[in-house]
């Protein structure tokens, strides 16, 4: 990878030396185009909700009347899922942190978010079907749906539509026999002190480095490595004897 980057850098330098203005303009346009492709993916991605979505009513429902005693997950929420999980006190078996999934219903089928299950083909739908089947085990009582594609599976699995939000764009499906959620015990769960270190050490190290650089600039300059081209030439032993 480093060799490829060096080759590209050398090519750009050579082009700019030969045709300064034209090459600089072409390189700037290429850089802007690559950045635009990354931003365009956000707009055309199938995981993006069409037309936006107002999830405030979903958040309000989960935060009132003891509804946060149960777990929930969403279907068809796309990139609106993080807002729900951020502003509600209820816990969920779904989320954006793919590598942290440890439940067998997720790891067995290799899919990512449940909210976008249909985009993962058969594996995604099998993971969703397994999670619906074991909802009592995890205390999952609420499923918020923004895509009617999932409704036949919910109805077949014994769930019923109980409420609608956002002018009917979001429907709430629930089960009556689900017990309150209990903590999921796992050996992979980090200890509280590990979470504290993860939240403070990286940022704290950066702040400490900036503090040292501003308060002790002479010491920092003394630790800088001098490039070989700028280092003084070594004096041979014969030159020393001649002196």
C-alpha atoms as a PDB file:
ATOM      1  CA  UNK A   1       0.000   0.000   0.000  1.00  0.00           C
ATOM      2  CA  UNK A   2       2.822   2.380   0.849  1.00  0.00           C
ATOM      3  CA  UNK A   3       4.493   1.590  -2.494  1.00  0.00           C
ATOM      4  CA  UNK A   4       1.289   2.447  -4.363  1.00  0.00           C
ATOM      5  CA  UNK A   5       0.950   5.726  -2.462  1.00  0.00           C
ATOM      6  CA  UNK A   6       4.564   6.624  -3.222  1.00  0.00           C
ATOM      7  CA  UNK A   7       4.026   5.840  -6.915  1.00  0.00           C
ATOM      8  CA  UNK A   8       0.960   8.073  -7.056  1.00  0.00           C
ATOM      9  CA  UNK A   9       2.792  10.866  -5.268  1.00  0.00           C
ATOM     10  CA  UNK A  10       5.723  10.630  -7.669  1.00  0.00           C
ATOM     11  CA  UNK A  11       3.340  10.667 -10.643  1.00  0.00           C
ATOM     12  CA  UNK A  12       1.573  13.781  -9.393  1.00  0.00           C
ATOM     13  CA  UNK A  13       4.890  15.538  -8.773  1.00  0.00           C
ATOM     14  CA  UNK A  14       6.100  14.654 -12.254  1.00  0.00           C
ATOM     15  CA  UNK A  15       2.894  15.924 -13.864  1.00  0.00           C
ATOM     16  CA  UNK A  16       2.985  19.196 -11.970  1.00  0.00           C
ATOM     17  CA  UNK A  17       6.627  19.763 -12.931  1.00  0.00           C
ATOM     18  CA  UNK A  18       5.806  19.283 -16.618  1.00  0.00           C
ATOM     19  CA  UNK A  19       2.451  21.069 -16.796  1.00  0.00           C
ATOM     20  CA  UNK A  20       2.055  23.113 -13.575  1.00  0.00           C
ATOM     21  CA  UNK A  21      -1.308  24.778 -14.114  1.00  0.00           C
ATOM     22  CA  UNK A  22      -3.119  22.041 -16.011  1.00  0.00           C
ATOM     23  CA  UNK A  23      -1.866  19.280 -13.732  1.00  0.00           C
ATOM     24  CA  UNK A  24      -2.698  21.179 -10.547  1.00  0.00           C
ATOM     25  CA  UNK A  25      -6.248  21.801 -11.814  1.00  0.00           C
ATOM     26  CA  UNK A  26      -6.680  18.163 -12.860  1.00  0.00           C
ATOM     27  CA  UNK A  27      -5.419  16.839  -9.512  1.00  0.00           C
ATOM     28  CA  UNK A  28      -7.706  19.227  -7.609  1.00  0.00           C
ATOM     29  CA  UNK A  29     -10.706  18.093  -9.682  1.00  0.00           C
ATOM     30  CA  UNK A  30      -9.817  14.422  -9.113  1.00  0.00           C
ATOM     31  CA  UNK A  31      -9.583  14.984  -5.361  1.00  0.00           C
ATOM     32  CA  UNK A  32     -12.949  16.754  -5.339  1.00  0.00           C
ATOM     33  CA  UNK A  33     -14.509  13.961  -7.417  1.00  0.00           C
ATOM     34  CA  UNK A  34     -13.347  11.205  -5.049  1.00  0.00           C
ATOM     35  CA  UNK A  35     -14.682  13.141  -2.068  1.00  0.00           C
ATOM     36  CA  UNK A  36     -17.988  13.673  -3.883  1.00  0.00           C
ATOM     37  CA  UNK A  37     -18.347   9.937  -4.517  1.00  0.00           C
ATOM     38  CA  UNK A  38     -18.079   9.237  -0.787  1.00  0.00           C
ATOM     39  CA  UNK A  39     -20.690  11.881   0.016  1.00  0.00           C
ATOM     40  CA  UNK A  40     -22.955  10.708  -2.819  1.00  0.00           C
ATOM     41  CA  UNK A  41     -23.071   7.219  -1.324  1.00  0.00           C
ATOM     42  CA  UNK A  42     -24.782   8.677   1.741  1.00  0.00           C
ATOM     43  CA  UNK A  43     -27.594   9.954  -0.484  1.00  0.00           C
ATOM     44  CA  UNK A  44     -28.022   6.898  -2.742  1.00  0.00           C
ATOM     45  CA  UNK A  45     -27.353   4.186  -0.155  1.00  0.00           C
ATOM     46  CA  UNK A  46     -30.261   1.701   0.204  1.00  0.00           C
ATOM     47  CA  UNK A  47     -29.897   1.974   3.984  1.00  0.00           C
ATOM     48  CA  UNK A  48     -30.955   5.634   3.917  1.00  0.00           C
ATOM     49  CA  UNK A  49     -34.580   6.354   4.783  1.00  0.00           C
ATOM     50  CA  UNK A  50     -36.452   7.920   1.888  1.00  0.00           C
ATOM     51  CA  UNK A  51     -37.705  11.429   2.541  1.00  0.00           C
ATOM     52  CA  UNK A  52     -36.381  11.492   6.092  1.00  0.00           C
ATOM     53  CA  UNK A  53     -38.222  10.330   9.177  1.00  0.00           C
ATOM     54  CA  UNK A  54     -39.464  11.914  12.392  1.00  0.00           C
ATOM     55  CA  UNK A  55     -38.631   9.509  15.241  1.00  0.00           C
ATOM     56  CA  UNK A  56     -39.536  11.843  18.103  1.00  0.00           C
ATOM     57  CA  UNK A  57     -42.830  10.024  18.692  1.00  0.00           C
ATOM     58  CA  UNK A  58     -40.964   6.705  18.903  1.00  0.00           C
ATOM     59  CA  UNK A  59     -38.547   8.140  21.446  1.00  0.00           C
ATOM     60  CA  UNK A  60     -41.411   9.631  23.469  1.00  0.00           C
ATOM     61  CA  UNK A  61     -43.230   6.284  23.536  1.00  0.00           C
ATOM     62  CA  UNK A  62     -40.190   4.369  24.782  1.00  0.00           C
ATOM     63  CA  UNK A  63     -39.444   6.928  27.512  1.00  0.00           C
ATOM     64  CA  UNK A  64     -42.916   6.973  29.110  1.00  0.00           C
ATOM     65  CA  UNK A  65     -45.179   4.674  31.128  1.00  0.00           C
ATOM     66  CA  UNK A  66     -42.451   2.161  31.896  1.00  0.00           C
ATOM     67  CA  UNK A  67     -42.036   1.087  28.271  1.00  0.00           C
ATOM     68  CA  UNK A  68     -38.271   1.124  28.745  1.00  0.00           C
ATOM     69  CA  UNK A  69     -38.553  -1.997  30.906  1.00  0.00           C
ATOM     70  CA  UNK A  70     -38.630  -3.953  27.662  1.00  0.00           C
ATOM     71  CA  UNK A  71     -36.249  -4.105  24.725  1.00  0.00           C
ATOM     72  CA  UNK A  72     -37.068  -3.005  21.188  1.00  0.00           C
ATOM     73  CA  UNK A  73     -35.663  -2.952  17.687  1.00  0.00           C
ATOM     74  CA  UNK A  74     -36.597  -1.210  14.466  1.00  0.00           C
ATOM     75  CA  UNK A  75     -37.223  -2.324  10.882  1.00  0.00           C
ATOM     76  CA  UNK A  76     -36.670  -0.049   7.912  1.00  0.00           C
ATOM     77  CA  UNK A  77     -35.251   2.842   9.950  1.00  0.00           C
ATOM     78  CA  UNK A  78     -31.944   2.966   8.075  1.00  0.00           C
ATOM     79  CA  UNK A  79     -29.714   5.782   9.296  1.00  0.00           C
ATOM     80  CA  UNK A  80     -32.444   7.029  11.680  1.00  0.00           C
ATOM     81  CA  UNK A  81     -31.675   4.158  14.058  1.00  0.00           C
ATOM     82  CA  UNK A  82     -28.838   5.919  15.968  1.00  0.00           C
ATOM     83  CA  UNK A  83     -31.094   8.822  16.962  1.00  0.00           C
ATOM     84  CA  UNK A  84     -33.603   6.472  18.580  1.00  0.00           C
ATOM     85  CA  UNK A  85     -30.947   4.571  20.516  1.00  0.00           C
ATOM     86  CA  UNK A  86     -29.288   7.826  21.622  1.00  0.00           C
ATOM     87  CA  UNK A  87     -32.350   9.568  23.053  1.00  0.00           C
ATOM     88  CA  UNK A  88     -34.248   6.680  24.601  1.00  0.00           C
ATOM     89  CA  UNK A  89     -33.649   4.897  27.895  1.00  0.00           C
ATOM     90  CA  UNK A  90     -34.834   1.539  26.532  1.00  0.00           C
ATOM     91  CA  UNK A  91     -32.255  -1.002  25.426  1.00  0.00           C
ATOM     92  CA  UNK A  92     -32.134  -2.812  22.111  1.00  0.00           C
ATOM     93  CA  UNK A  93     -30.586  -5.909  20.526  1.00  0.00           C
ATOM     94  CA  UNK A  94     -29.734  -3.896  17.407  1.00  0.00           C
ATOM     95  CA  UNK A  95     -27.408  -0.992  16.719  1.00  0.00           C
ATOM     96  CA  UNK A  96     -24.618   0.440  14.583  1.00  0.00           C
ATOM     97  CA  UNK A  97     -21.717  -1.312  16.349  1.00  0.00           C
ATOM     98  CA  UNK A  98     -21.559  -4.442  14.170  1.00  0.00           C
ATOM     99  CA  UNK A  99     -18.439  -6.014  15.682  1.00  0.00           C
ATOM    100  CA  UNK A 100     -19.937  -5.979  19.193  1.00  0.00           C
ATOM    101  CA  UNK A 101     -22.801  -8.336  18.335  1.00  0.00           C
ATOM    102  CA  UNK A 102     -22.559 -11.448  20.476  1.00  0.00           C
ATOM    103  CA  UNK A 103     -26.100 -12.840  20.432  1.00  0.00           C
ATOM    104  CA  UNK A 104     -26.273 -16.182  18.600  1.00  0.00           C
ATOM    105  CA  UNK A 105     -29.248 -15.007  16.543  1.00  0.00           C
ATOM    106  CA  UNK A 106     -26.917 -12.459  14.948  1.00  0.00           C
ATOM    107  CA  UNK A 107     -23.599 -14.292  14.822  1.00  0.00           C
ATOM    108  CA  UNK A 108     -25.049 -17.517  13.422  1.00  0.00           C
ATOM    109  CA  UNK A 109     -26.305 -15.888  10.228  1.00  0.00           C
ATOM    110  CA  UNK A 110     -23.630 -13.235   9.718  1.00  0.00           C
ATOM    111  CA  UNK A 111     -25.966 -10.309   9.079  1.00  0.00           C
ATOM    112  CA  UNK A 112     -25.509  -6.796  10.405  1.00  0.00           C
ATOM    113  CA  UNK A 113     -28.344  -4.477  11.476  1.00  0.00           C
ATOM    114  CA  UNK A 114     -31.769  -6.004  11.980  1.00  0.00           C
ATOM    115  CA  UNK A 115     -33.307  -2.734  10.841  1.00  0.00           C
ATOM    116  CA  UNK A 116     -31.945  -3.415   7.333  1.00  0.00           C
ATOM    117  CA  UNK A 117     -32.420  -7.188   7.394  1.00  0.00           C
ATOM    118  CA  UNK A 118     -33.874  -7.477   3.874  1.00  0.00           C
ATOM    119  CA  UNK A 119     -30.744  -5.987   2.335  1.00  0.00           C
ATOM    120  CA  UNK A 120     -28.711  -8.941   3.661  1.00  0.00           C
ATOM    121  CA  UNK A 121     -30.783 -11.487   1.752  1.00  0.00           C
ATOM    122  CA  UNK A 122     -31.659 -14.839   3.242  1.00  0.00           C
ATOM    123  CA  UNK A 123     -29.131 -14.493   6.080  1.00  0.00           C
ATOM    124  CA  UNK A 124     -30.649 -11.194   7.180  1.00  0.00           C
ATOM    125  CA  UNK A 125     -34.206 -12.487   7.168  1.00  0.00           C
ATOM    126  CA  UNK A 126     -33.220 -15.666   9.003  1.00  0.00           C
ATOM    127  CA  UNK A 127     -31.561 -13.573  11.715  1.00  0.00           C
ATOM    128  CA  UNK A 128     -34.725 -11.473  12.009  1.00  0.00           C
ATOM    129  CA  UNK A 129     -36.931 -14.568  12.162  1.00  0.00           C
ATOM    130  CA  UNK A 130     -34.754 -16.069  14.911  1.00  0.00           C
ATOM    131  CA  UNK A 131     -34.838 -12.836  16.934  1.00  0.00           C
ATOM    132  CA  UNK A 132     -38.635 -12.670  16.704  1.00  0.00           C
ATOM    133  CA  UNK A 133     -38.860 -16.299  17.798  1.00  0.00           C
ATOM    134  CA  UNK A 134     -36.674 -15.703  20.882  1.00  0.00           C
ATOM    135  CA  UNK A 135     -38.157 -12.322  21.808  1.00  0.00           C
ATOM    136  CA  UNK A 136     -39.324 -13.567  25.223  1.00  0.00           C
ATOM    137  CA  UNK A 137     -35.775 -14.627  26.045  1.00  0.00           C
ATOM    138  CA  UNK A 138     -34.445 -11.097  25.571  1.00  0.00           C
ATOM    139  CA  UNK A 139     -37.490  -9.143  26.737  1.00  0.00           C
ATOM    140  CA  UNK A 140     -38.220  -7.720  23.263  1.00  0.00           C
ATOM    141  CA  UNK A 141     -41.752  -6.342  23.372  1.00  0.00           C
ATOM    142  CA  UNK A 142     -41.652  -3.511  20.809  1.00  0.00           C
ATOM    143  CA  UNK A 143     -40.850  -3.551  17.095  1.00  0.00           C
ATOM    144  CA  UNK A 144     -41.116  -0.244  15.206  1.00  0.00           C
ATOM    145  CA  UNK A 145     -41.668  -0.685  11.475  1.00  0.00           C
ATOM    146  CA  UNK A 146     -41.049   1.866   8.728  1.00  0.00           C
ATOM    147  CA  UNK A 147     -41.209  -0.635   5.854  1.00  0.00           C
ATOM    148  CA  UNK A 148     -44.345  -2.697   5.138  1.00  0.00           C
ATOM    149  CA  UNK A 149     -42.126  -5.414   3.636  1.00  0.00           C
ATOM    150  CA  UNK A 150     -41.619  -6.822   7.151  1.00  0.00           C
ATOM    151  CA  UNK A 151     -45.247  -6.790   8.285  1.00  0.00           C
ATOM    152  CA  UNK A 152     -46.284 -10.253   6.939  1.00  0.00           C
ATOM    153  CA  UNK A 153     -43.400 -11.872   8.838  1.00  0.00           C
ATOM    154  CA  UNK A 154     -44.374 -10.074  12.049  1.00  0.00           C
ATOM    155  CA  UNK A 155     -48.022 -11.115  11.720  1.00  0.00           C
ATOM    156  CA  UNK A 156     -47.038 -14.722  10.981  1.00  0.00           C
ATOM    157  CA  UNK A 157     -44.742 -14.747  14.051  1.00  0.00           C
ATOM    158  CA  UNK A 158     -47.570 -13.781  16.420  1.00  0.00           C
ATOM    159  CA  UNK A 159     -47.017 -10.015  16.658  1.00  0.00           C
ATOM    160  CA  UNK A 160     -49.854  -7.498  16.308  1.00  0.00           C
ATOM    161  CA  UNK A 161     -49.965  -3.876  15.207  1.00  0.00           C
ATOM    162  CA  UNK A 162     -50.952  -1.721  18.177  1.00  0.00           C
ATOM    163  CA  UNK A 163     -50.148   1.926  17.320  1.00  0.00           C
ATOM    164  CA  UNK A 164     -49.020   4.176  14.474  1.00  0.00           C
ATOM    165  CA  UNK A 165     -46.756   7.221  14.536  1.00  0.00           C
ATOM    166  CA  UNK A 166     -45.647   9.990  12.178  1.00  0.00           C
ATOM    167  CA  UNK A 167     -48.977  10.118  10.301  1.00  0.00           C
ATOM    168  CA  UNK A 168     -49.020   6.371   9.768  1.00  0.00           C
ATOM    169  CA  UNK A 169     -45.477   6.082   8.375  1.00  0.00           C
ATOM    170  CA  UNK A 170     -44.270   4.187  11.472  1.00  0.00           C
ATOM    171  CA  UNK A 171     -46.215   1.325  13.015  1.00  0.00           C
ATOM    172  CA  UNK A 172     -45.667  -0.285  16.404  1.00  0.00           C
ATOM    173  CA  UNK A 173     -45.913  -4.063  16.704  1.00  0.00           C
ATOM    174  CA  UNK A 174     -45.980  -5.739  20.110  1.00  0.00           C
ATOM    175  CA  UNK A 175     -46.490  -9.021  21.995  1.00  0.00           C
ATOM    176  CA  UNK A 176     -48.453  -9.401  25.228  1.00  0.00           C
ATOM    177  CA  UNK A 177     -46.646 -12.334  26.827  1.00  0.00           C
ATOM    178  CA  UNK A 178     -43.118 -10.847  26.875  1.00  0.00           C
ATOM    179  CA  UNK A 179     -41.522 -10.553  30.352  1.00  0.00           C
ATOM    180  CA  UNK A 180     -39.469  -7.456  31.301  1.00  0.00           C
ATOM    181  CA  UNK A 181     -35.932  -7.423  29.971  1.00  0.00           C
ATOM    182  CA  UNK A 182     -33.086  -8.598  32.182  1.00  0.00           C
ATOM    183  CA  UNK A 183     -29.345  -7.981  31.801  1.00  0.00           C
ATOM    184  CA  UNK A 184     -27.608 -10.208  29.264  1.00  0.00           C
ATOM    185  CA  UNK A 185     -24.583 -11.734  30.992  1.00  0.00           C
ATOM    186  CA  UNK A 186     -21.530 -12.103  28.774  1.00  0.00           C
ATOM    187  CA  UNK A 187     -17.809 -12.581  29.380  1.00  0.00           C
ATOM    188  CA  UNK A 188     -17.103 -10.122  26.566  1.00  0.00           C
ATOM    189  CA  UNK A 189     -18.731  -7.199  28.383  1.00  0.00           C
ATOM    190  CA  UNK A 190     -16.057  -4.681  29.430  1.00  0.00           C
ATOM    191  CA  UNK A 191     -15.600  -3.793  33.073  1.00  0.00           C
ATOM    192  CA  UNK A 192     -16.640  -0.277  34.181  1.00  0.00           C
ATOM    193  CA  UNK A 193     -13.004   0.796  34.635  1.00  0.00           C
ATOM    194  CA  UNK A 194     -12.222  -0.321  31.072  1.00  0.00           C
ATOM    195  CA  UNK A 195     -14.990   1.881  29.724  1.00  0.00           C
ATOM    196  CA  UNK A 196     -13.656   4.801  31.780  1.00  0.00           C
ATOM    197  CA  UNK A 197     -10.140   4.341  30.399  1.00  0.00           C
ATOM    198  CA  UNK A 198     -11.437   4.065  26.839  1.00  0.00           C
ATOM    199  CA  UNK A 199     -13.344   7.314  27.219  1.00  0.00           C
ATOM    200  CA  UNK A 200     -10.545   9.326  28.850  1.00  0.00           C
ATOM    201  CA  UNK A 201      -7.084   8.021  27.883  1.00  0.00           C
ATOM    202  CA  UNK A 202      -7.099   8.635  24.079  1.00  0.00           C
ATOM    203  CA  UNK A 203      -8.401  12.188  24.406  1.00  0.00           C
ATOM    204  CA  UNK A 204      -6.318  12.844  27.516  1.00  0.00           C
ATOM    205  CA  UNK A 205      -3.114  11.731  25.767  1.00  0.00           C
ATOM    206  CA  UNK A 206      -3.780  14.188  22.934  1.00  0.00           C
ATOM    207  CA  UNK A 207      -4.411  17.049  25.356  1.00  0.00           C
ATOM    208  CA  UNK A 208      -1.253  16.184  27.293  1.00  0.00           C
ATOM    209  CA  UNK A 209       0.819  16.133  24.089  1.00  0.00           C
ATOM    210  CA  UNK A 210      -0.463  19.595  23.099  1.00  0.00           C
ATOM    211  CA  UNK A 211       0.233  20.917  26.600  1.00  0.00           C
ATOM    212  CA  UNK A 212       3.830  19.664  26.531  1.00  0.00           C
ATOM    213  CA  UNK A 213       4.388  21.054  23.026  1.00  0.00           C
ATOM    214  CA  UNK A 214       3.215  24.541  24.016  1.00  0.00           C
ATOM    215  CA  UNK A 215       4.761  24.697  27.487  1.00  0.00           C
ATOM    216  CA  UNK A 216       8.140  23.131  26.692  1.00  0.00           C
ATOM    217  CA  UNK A 217       8.887  23.925  23.012  1.00  0.00           C
ATOM    218  CA  UNK A 218      12.686  23.753  23.503  1.00  0.00           C
ATOM    219  CA  UNK A 219      12.575  20.224  24.895  1.00  0.00           C
ATOM    220  CA  UNK A 220      10.258  19.069  22.145  1.00  0.00           C
ATOM    221  CA  UNK A 221      12.556  20.578  19.511  1.00  0.00           C
ATOM    222  CA  UNK A 222      15.500  18.737  21.026  1.00  0.00           C
ATOM    223  CA  UNK A 223      13.702  15.421  20.542  1.00  0.00           C
ATOM    224  CA  UNK A 224      13.064  16.015  16.843  1.00  0.00           C
ATOM    225  CA  UNK A 225      14.892  13.659  14.494  1.00  0.00           C
ATOM    226  CA  UNK A 226      17.176  15.457  12.052  1.00  0.00           C
ATOM    227  CA  UNK A 227      16.862  14.099   8.477  1.00  0.00           C
ATOM    228  CA  UNK A 228      20.077  12.508   7.105  1.00  0.00           C
ATOM    229  CA  UNK A 229      20.306  15.160   4.378  1.00  0.00           C
ATOM    230  CA  UNK A 230      20.431  17.946   6.994  1.00  0.00           C
ATOM    231  CA  UNK A 231      22.714  16.218   9.485  1.00  0.00           C
ATOM    232  CA  UNK A 232      26.337  17.433   9.682  1.00  0.00           C
ATOM    233  CA  UNK A 233      28.826  15.340   7.765  1.00  0.00           C
ATOM    234  CA  UNK A 234      30.912  13.015   9.986  1.00  0.00           C
ATOM    235  CA  UNK A 235      34.545  13.953  10.489  1.00  0.00           C
ATOM    236  CA  UNK A 236      36.991  11.147   9.786  1.00  0.00           C
ATOM    237  CA  UNK A 237      39.696  10.139  12.250  1.00  0.00           C
ATOM    238  CA  UNK A 238      42.414  11.306   9.841  1.00  0.00           C
ATOM    239  CA  UNK A 239      40.969  14.807   9.728  1.00  0.00           C
ATOM    240  CA  UNK A 240      40.926  14.894  13.519  1.00  0.00           C
ATOM    241  CA  UNK A 241      44.623  13.890  13.688  1.00  0.00           C
ATOM    242  CA  UNK A 242      45.536  16.542  11.127  1.00  0.00           C
ATOM    243  CA  UNK A 243      43.952  19.170  13.320  1.00  0.00           C
END
